[in-house]
Amino acid sequence: LDADDKIVWSLTPQDLPELNLKYA
């Protein structure tokens, strides 16, 4: 997040399903 709380990068479970993210 930048100084205005805008997302400048993200990683979600949908971005890399092979990781099988459960708890970031």
PDB file of all heavy atoms in Angstrom:
ATOM      1  N   LEU A   1       0.836  -1.198   0.000  1.00  0.00           N
ATOM      2  CA  LEU A   1       0.000   0.000   0.000  1.00  0.00           C
ATOM      3  C   LEU A   1       0.867   1.243   0.000  1.00  0.00           C
ATOM      4  O   LEU A   1       1.867   1.315   0.718  1.00  0.00           O
ATOM      5  CB  LEU A   1      -0.902   0.013   1.240  1.00  0.00           C
ATOM      6  CG  LEU A   1      -1.834  -1.194   1.387  1.00  0.00           C
ATOM      7  CD1 LEU A   1      -2.471  -1.212   2.763  1.00  0.00           C
ATOM      8  CD2 LEU A   1      -2.897  -1.172   0.306  1.00  0.00           C
ATOM      9  N   ASP A   2       0.433   2.248  -0.776  1.00  0.00           N
ATOM     10  CA  ASP A   2       1.158   3.512  -0.789  1.00  0.00           C
ATOM     11  C   ASP A   2       0.666   4.408   0.347  1.00  0.00           C
ATOM     12  O   ASP A   2      -0.158   3.986   1.173  1.00  0.00           O
ATOM     13  CB  ASP A   2       1.051   4.194  -2.160  1.00  0.00           C
ATOM     14  CG  ASP A   2      -0.351   4.686  -2.506  1.00  0.00           C
ATOM     15  OD1 ASP A   2      -1.255   4.731  -1.620  1.00  0.00           O
ATOM     16  OD2 ASP A   2      -0.561   5.038  -3.678  1.00  0.00           O
ATOM     17  N   ALA A   3       1.137   5.636   0.391  1.00  0.00           N
ATOM     18  CA  ALA A   3       0.794   6.570   1.477  1.00  0.00           C
ATOM     19  C   ALA A   3      -0.692   6.910   1.512  1.00  0.00           C
ATOM     20  O   ALA A   3      -1.210   7.371   2.528  1.00  0.00           O
ATOM     21  CB  ALA A   3       1.622   7.841   1.347  1.00  0.00           C
ATOM     22  N   ASP A   4      -1.396   6.692   0.402  1.00  0.00           N
ATOM     23  CA  ASP A   4      -2.845   6.948   0.334  1.00  0.00           C
ATOM     24  C   ASP A   4      -3.659   5.665   0.482  1.00  0.00           C
ATOM     25  O   ASP A   4      -4.849   5.644   0.151  1.00  0.00           O
ATOM     26  CB  ASP A   4      -3.187   7.635  -0.995  1.00  0.00           C
ATOM     27  CG  ASP A   4      -2.530   9.002  -1.115  1.00  0.00           C
ATOM     28  OD1 ASP A   4      -2.493   9.749  -0.115  1.00  0.00           O
ATOM     29  OD2 ASP A   4      -2.033   9.313  -2.218  1.00  0.00           O
ATOM     30  N   ASP A   5      -3.022   4.606   0.936  1.00  0.00           N
ATOM     31  CA  ASP A   5      -3.649   3.290   1.119  1.00  0.00           C
ATOM     32  C   ASP A   5      -4.146   2.677  -0.183  1.00  0.00           C
ATOM     33  O   ASP A   5      -5.051   1.845  -0.198  1.00  0.00           O
ATOM     34  CB  ASP A   5      -4.796   3.346   2.140  1.00  0.00           C
ATOM     35  CG  ASP A   5      -4.324   3.750   3.518  1.00  0.00           C
ATOM     36  OD1 ASP A   5      -3.104   3.718   3.766  1.00  0.00           O
ATOM     37  OD2 ASP A   5      -5.177   4.101   4.354  1.00  0.00           O
ATOM     38  N   LYS A   6      -3.542   3.041  -1.286  1.00  0.00           N
ATOM     39  CA  LYS A   6      -3.856   2.452  -2.588  1.00  0.00           C
ATOM     40  C   LYS A   6      -2.946   1.252  -2.810  1.00  0.00           C
ATOM     41  O   LYS A   6      -1.758   1.286  -2.499  1.00  0.00           O
ATOM     42  CB  LYS A   6      -3.659   3.464  -3.727  1.00  0.00           C
ATOM     43  CG  LYS A   6      -4.493   4.722  -3.579  1.00  0.00           C
ATOM     44  CD  LYS A   6      -5.959   4.439  -3.788  1.00  0.00           C
ATOM     45  CE  LYS A   6      -6.752   5.721  -3.762  1.00  0.00           C
ATOM     46  NZ  LYS A   6      -7.773   5.752  -2.750  1.00  0.00           N
ATOM     47  N   ILE A   7      -3.491   0.210  -3.392  1.00  0.00           N
ATOM     48  CA  ILE A   7      -2.717  -0.998  -3.667  1.00  0.00           C
ATOM     49  C   ILE A   7      -1.816  -0.756  -4.867  1.00  0.00           C
ATOM     50  O   ILE A   7      -2.284  -0.370  -5.931  1.00  0.00           O
ATOM     51  CB  ILE A   7      -3.647  -2.190  -3.941  1.00  0.00           C
ATOM     52  CG1 ILE A   7      -4.488  -2.497  -2.702  1.00  0.00           C
ATOM     53  CG2 ILE A   7      -2.848  -3.413  -4.371  1.00  0.00           C
ATOM     54  CD1 ILE A   7      -5.556  -3.529  -2.919  1.00  0.00           C
ATOM     55  N   VAL A   8      -0.515  -0.987  -4.675  1.00  0.00           N
ATOM     56  CA  VAL A   8       0.432  -0.874  -5.784  1.00  0.00           C
ATOM     57  C   VAL A   8       0.976  -2.244  -6.187  1.00  0.00           C
ATOM     58  O   VAL A   8       1.584  -2.381  -7.244  1.00  0.00           O
ATOM     59  CB  VAL A   8       1.591   0.105  -5.477  1.00  0.00           C
ATOM     60  CG1 VAL A   8       1.064   1.515  -5.284  1.00  0.00           C
ATOM     61  CG2 VAL A   8       2.378  -0.327  -4.259  1.00  0.00           C
ATOM     62  N   TRP A   9       0.751  -3.251  -5.337  1.00  0.00           N
ATOM     63  CA  TRP A   9       1.108  -4.632  -5.648  1.00  0.00           C
ATOM     64  C   TRP A   9       0.274  -5.529  -4.754  1.00  0.00           C
ATOM     65  O   TRP A   9      -0.043  -5.171  -3.611  1.00  0.00           O
ATOM     66  CB  TRP A   9       2.596  -4.879  -5.376  1.00  0.00           C
ATOM     67  CG  TRP A   9       3.006  -6.319  -5.506  1.00  0.00           C
ATOM     68  CD1 TRP A   9       3.307  -6.987  -6.662  1.00  0.00           C
ATOM     69  CD2 TRP A   9       3.143  -7.276  -4.450  1.00  0.00           C
ATOM     70  NE1 TRP A   9       3.614  -8.296  -6.380  1.00  0.00           N
ATOM     71  CE2 TRP A   9       3.526  -8.503  -5.025  1.00  0.00           C
ATOM     72  CE3 TRP A   9       2.963  -7.224  -3.072  1.00  0.00           C
ATOM     73  CZ2 TRP A   9       3.749  -9.660  -4.285  1.00  0.00           C
ATOM     74  CZ3 TRP A   9       3.183  -8.362  -2.319  1.00  0.00           C
ATOM     75  CH2 TRP A   9       3.576  -9.562  -2.928  1.00  0.00           C
ATOM     76  N   SER A  10      -0.094  -6.678  -5.276  1.00  0.00           N
ATOM     77  CA  SER A  10      -0.801  -7.654  -4.455  1.00  0.00           C
ATOM     78  C   SER A  10      -0.509  -9.056  -4.950  1.00  0.00           C
ATOM     79  O   SER A  10      -0.116  -9.269  -6.101  1.00  0.00           O
ATOM     80  CB  SER A  10      -2.317  -7.398  -4.469  1.00  0.00           C
ATOM     81  OG  SER A  10      -2.854  -7.625  -5.760  1.00  0.00           O
ATOM     82  N   LEU A  11      -0.699  -9.992  -4.059  1.00  0.00           N
ATOM     83  CA  LEU A  11      -0.605 -11.408  -4.374  1.00  0.00           C
ATOM     84  C   LEU A  11      -1.785 -12.073  -3.690  1.00  0.00           C
ATOM     85  O   LEU A  11      -1.919 -12.010  -2.465  1.00  0.00           O
ATOM     86  CB  LEU A  11       0.716 -12.001  -3.877  1.00  0.00           C
ATOM     87  CG  LEU A  11       0.869 -13.518  -4.066  1.00  0.00           C
ATOM     88  CD1 LEU A  11       0.879 -13.886  -5.553  1.00  0.00           C
ATOM     89  CD2 LEU A  11       2.123 -14.019  -3.384  1.00  0.00           C
ATOM     90  N   THR A  12      -2.661 -12.672  -4.491  1.00  0.00           N
ATOM     91  CA  THR A  12      -3.846 -13.350  -3.975  1.00  0.00           C
ATOM     92  C   THR A  12      -3.759 -14.838  -4.323  1.00  0.00           C
ATOM     93  O   THR A  12      -2.965 -15.233  -5.178  1.00  0.00           O
ATOM     94  CB  THR A  12      -5.134 -12.767  -4.588  1.00  0.00           C
ATOM     95  OG1 THR A  12      -5.188 -13.143  -5.972  1.00  0.00           O
ATOM     96  CG2 THR A  12      -5.181 -11.251  -4.445  1.00  0.00           C
ATOM     97  N   PRO A  13      -4.574 -15.684  -3.693  1.00  0.00           N
ATOM     98  CA  PRO A  13      -4.570 -17.106  -4.049  1.00  0.00           C
ATOM     99  C   PRO A  13      -4.881 -17.335  -5.531  1.00  0.00           C
ATOM    100  O   PRO A  13      -4.375 -18.280  -6.135  1.00  0.00           O
ATOM    101  CB  PRO A  13      -5.665 -17.697  -3.158  1.00  0.00           C
ATOM    102  CG  PRO A  13      -5.729 -16.780  -1.989  1.00  0.00           C
ATOM    103  CD  PRO A  13      -5.440 -15.409  -2.555  1.00  0.00           C
ATOM    104  N   GLN A  14      -5.663 -16.463  -6.129  1.00  0.00           N
ATOM    105  CA  GLN A  14      -6.014 -16.602  -7.542  1.00  0.00           C
ATOM    106  C   GLN A  14      -4.823 -16.294  -8.458  1.00  0.00           C
ATOM    107  O   GLN A  14      -4.749 -16.807  -9.570  1.00  0.00           O
ATOM    108  CB  GLN A  14      -7.193 -15.689  -7.900  1.00  0.00           C
ATOM    109  CG  GLN A  14      -8.493 -16.043  -7.197  1.00  0.00           C
ATOM    110  CD  GLN A  14      -8.529 -15.613  -5.734  1.00  0.00           C
ATOM    111  OE1 GLN A  14      -7.856 -14.683  -5.317  1.00  0.00           O
ATOM    112  NE2 GLN A  14      -9.307 -16.336  -4.925  1.00  0.00           N
ATOM    113  N   ASP A  15      -3.900 -15.461  -7.995  1.00  0.00           N
ATOM    114  CA  ASP A  15      -2.724 -15.125  -8.803  1.00  0.00           C
ATOM    115  C   ASP A  15      -1.817 -16.337  -9.017  1.00  0.00           C
ATOM    116  O   ASP A  15      -1.258 -16.502 -10.104  1.00  0.00           O
ATOM    117  CB  ASP A  15      -1.915 -14.001  -8.153  1.00  0.00           C
ATOM    118  CG  ASP A  15      -2.660 -12.685  -8.104  1.00  0.00           C
ATOM    119  OD1 ASP A  15      -3.476 -12.416  -9.008  1.00  0.00           O
ATOM    120  OD2 ASP A  15      -2.431 -11.923  -7.139  1.00  0.00           O
ATOM    121  N   LEU A  16      -1.649 -17.137  -7.979  1.00  0.00           N
ATOM    122  CA  LEU A  16      -0.758 -18.306  -8.049  1.00  0.00           C
ATOM    123  C   LEU A  16      -1.424 -19.495  -7.354  1.00  0.00           C
ATOM    124  O   LEU A  16      -1.052 -19.875  -6.231  1.00  0.00           O
ATOM    125  CB  LEU A  16       0.593 -17.997  -7.401  1.00  0.00           C
ATOM    126  CG  LEU A  16       1.466 -16.986  -8.137  1.00  0.00           C
ATOM    127  CD1 LEU A  16       2.654 -16.563  -7.295  1.00  0.00           C
ATOM    128  CD2 LEU A  16       1.924 -17.548  -9.472  1.00  0.00           C
ATOM    129  N   PRO A  17      -2.436 -20.104  -7.993  1.00  0.00           N
ATOM    130  CA  PRO A  17      -3.169 -21.194  -7.339  1.00  0.00           C
ATOM    131  C   PRO A  17      -2.285 -22.370  -6.930  1.00  0.00           C
ATOM    132  O   PRO A  17      -2.586 -23.075  -5.971  1.00  0.00           O
ATOM    133  CB  PRO A  17      -4.206 -21.623  -8.380  1.00  0.00           C
ATOM    134  CG  PRO A  17      -3.998 -20.797  -9.583  1.00  0.00           C
ATOM    135  CD  PRO A  17      -2.940 -19.791  -9.310  1.00  0.00           C
ATOM    136  N   GLU A  18      -1.167 -22.584  -7.634  1.00  0.00           N
ATOM    137  CA  GLU A  18      -0.289 -23.718  -7.309  1.00  0.00           C
ATOM    138  C   GLU A  18       0.297 -23.620  -5.901  1.00  0.00           C
ATOM    139  O   GLU A  18       0.699 -24.629  -5.325  1.00  0.00           O
ATOM    140  CB  GLU A  18       0.822 -23.849  -8.333  1.00  0.00           C
ATOM    141  CG  GLU A  18       1.856 -22.730  -8.245  1.00  0.00           C
ATOM    142  CD  GLU A  18       2.878 -22.790  -9.368  1.00  0.00           C
ATOM    143  OE1 GLU A  18       2.608 -22.219 -10.434  1.00  0.00           O
ATOM    144  OE2 GLU A  18       3.938 -23.402  -9.160  1.00  0.00           O
ATOM    145  N   LEU A  19       0.334 -22.409  -5.318  1.00  0.00           N
ATOM    146  CA  LEU A  19       0.863 -22.249  -3.963  1.00  0.00           C
ATOM    147  C   LEU A  19      -0.119 -22.749  -2.907  1.00  0.00           C
ATOM    148  O   LEU A  19       0.264 -23.019  -1.776  1.00  0.00           O
ATOM    149  CB  LEU A  19       1.215 -20.788  -3.681  1.00  0.00           C
ATOM    150  CG  LEU A  19       2.376 -20.215  -4.485  1.00  0.00           C
ATOM    151  CD1 LEU A  19       2.537 -18.731  -4.205  1.00  0.00           C
ATOM    152  CD2 LEU A  19       3.666 -20.966  -4.197  1.00  0.00           C
ATOM    153  N   ASN A  20      -1.409 -22.823  -3.266  1.00  0.00           N
ATOM    154  CA  ASN A  20      -2.443 -23.255  -2.336  1.00  0.00           C
ATOM    155  C   ASN A  20      -2.379 -22.446  -1.036  1.00  0.00           C
ATOM    156  O   ASN A  20      -2.283 -22.989   0.062  1.00  0.00           O
ATOM    157  CB  ASN A  20      -2.320 -24.755  -2.058  1.00  0.00           C
ATOM    158  CG  ASN A  20      -3.534 -25.316  -1.365  1.00  0.00           C
ATOM    159  OD1 ASN A  20      -4.627 -24.776  -1.483  1.00  0.00           O
ATOM    160  ND2 ASN A  20      -3.346 -26.397  -0.628  1.00  0.00           N
ATOM    161  N   LEU A  21      -2.407 -21.118  -1.178  1.00  0.00           N
ATOM    162  CA  LEU A  21      -2.299 -20.219  -0.028  1.00  0.00           C
ATOM    163  C   LEU A  21      -3.476 -20.408   0.921  1.00  0.00           C
ATOM    164  O   LEU A  21      -4.625 -20.373   0.510  1.00  0.00           O
ATOM    165  CB  LEU A  21      -2.248 -18.759  -0.490  1.00  0.00           C
ATOM    166  CG  LEU A  21      -1.017 -18.351  -1.289  1.00  0.00           C
ATOM    167  CD1 LEU A  21      -1.168 -16.916  -1.795  1.00  0.00           C
ATOM    168  CD2 LEU A  21       0.236 -18.486  -0.457  1.00  0.00           C
ATOM    169  N   LYS A  22      -3.171 -20.570   2.203  1.00  0.00           N
ATOM    170  CA  LYS A  22      -4.191 -20.748   3.243  1.00  0.00           C
ATOM    171  C   LYS A  22      -4.145 -19.644   4.293  1.00  0.00           C
ATOM    172  O   LYS A  22      -5.157 -19.319   4.881  1.00  0.00           O
ATOM    173  CB  LYS A  22      -4.025 -22.094   3.942  1.00  0.00           C
ATOM    174  CG  LYS A  22      -4.132 -23.284   3.038  1.00  0.00           C
ATOM    175  CD  LYS A  22      -5.538 -23.445   2.537  1.00  0.00           C
ATOM    176  CE  LYS A  22      -5.644 -24.692   1.684  1.00  0.00           C
ATOM    177  NZ  LYS A  22      -6.817 -24.682   0.847  1.00  0.00           N
ATOM    178  N   TYR A  23      -2.945 -19.118   4.548  1.00  0.00           N
ATOM    179  CA  TYR A  23      -2.794 -18.128   5.619  1.00  0.00           C
ATOM    180  C   TYR A  23      -1.563 -17.274   5.298  1.00  0.00           C
ATOM    181  O   TYR A  23      -0.435 -17.744   5.396  1.00  0.00           O
ATOM    182  CB  TYR A  23      -2.602 -18.838   6.966  1.00  0.00           C
ATOM    183  CG  TYR A  23      -2.559 -17.921   8.165  1.00  0.00           C
ATOM    184  CD1 TYR A  23      -3.651 -17.829   9.020  1.00  0.00           C
ATOM    185  CD2 TYR A  23      -1.431 -17.170   8.461  1.00  0.00           C
ATOM    186  CE1 TYR A  23      -3.614 -17.008  10.141  1.00  0.00           C
ATOM    187  CE2 TYR A  23      -1.388 -16.345   9.573  1.00  0.00           C
ATOM    188  CZ  TYR A  23      -2.483 -16.275  10.407  1.00  0.00           C
ATOM    189  OH  TYR A  23      -2.440 -15.462  11.509  1.00  0.00           O
ATOM    190  N   ALA A  24      -1.794 -16.045   4.897  1.00  0.00           N
ATOM    191  CA  ALA A  24      -0.698 -15.128   4.563  1.00  0.00           C
ATOM    192  C   ALA A  24      -0.149 -14.543   5.859  1.00  0.00           C
ATOM    193  O   ALA A  24      -0.875 -13.924   6.624  1.00  0.00           O
ATOM    194  CB  ALA A  24      -1.188 -14.020   3.637  1.00  0.00           C
TER     195      ALA A  24
END
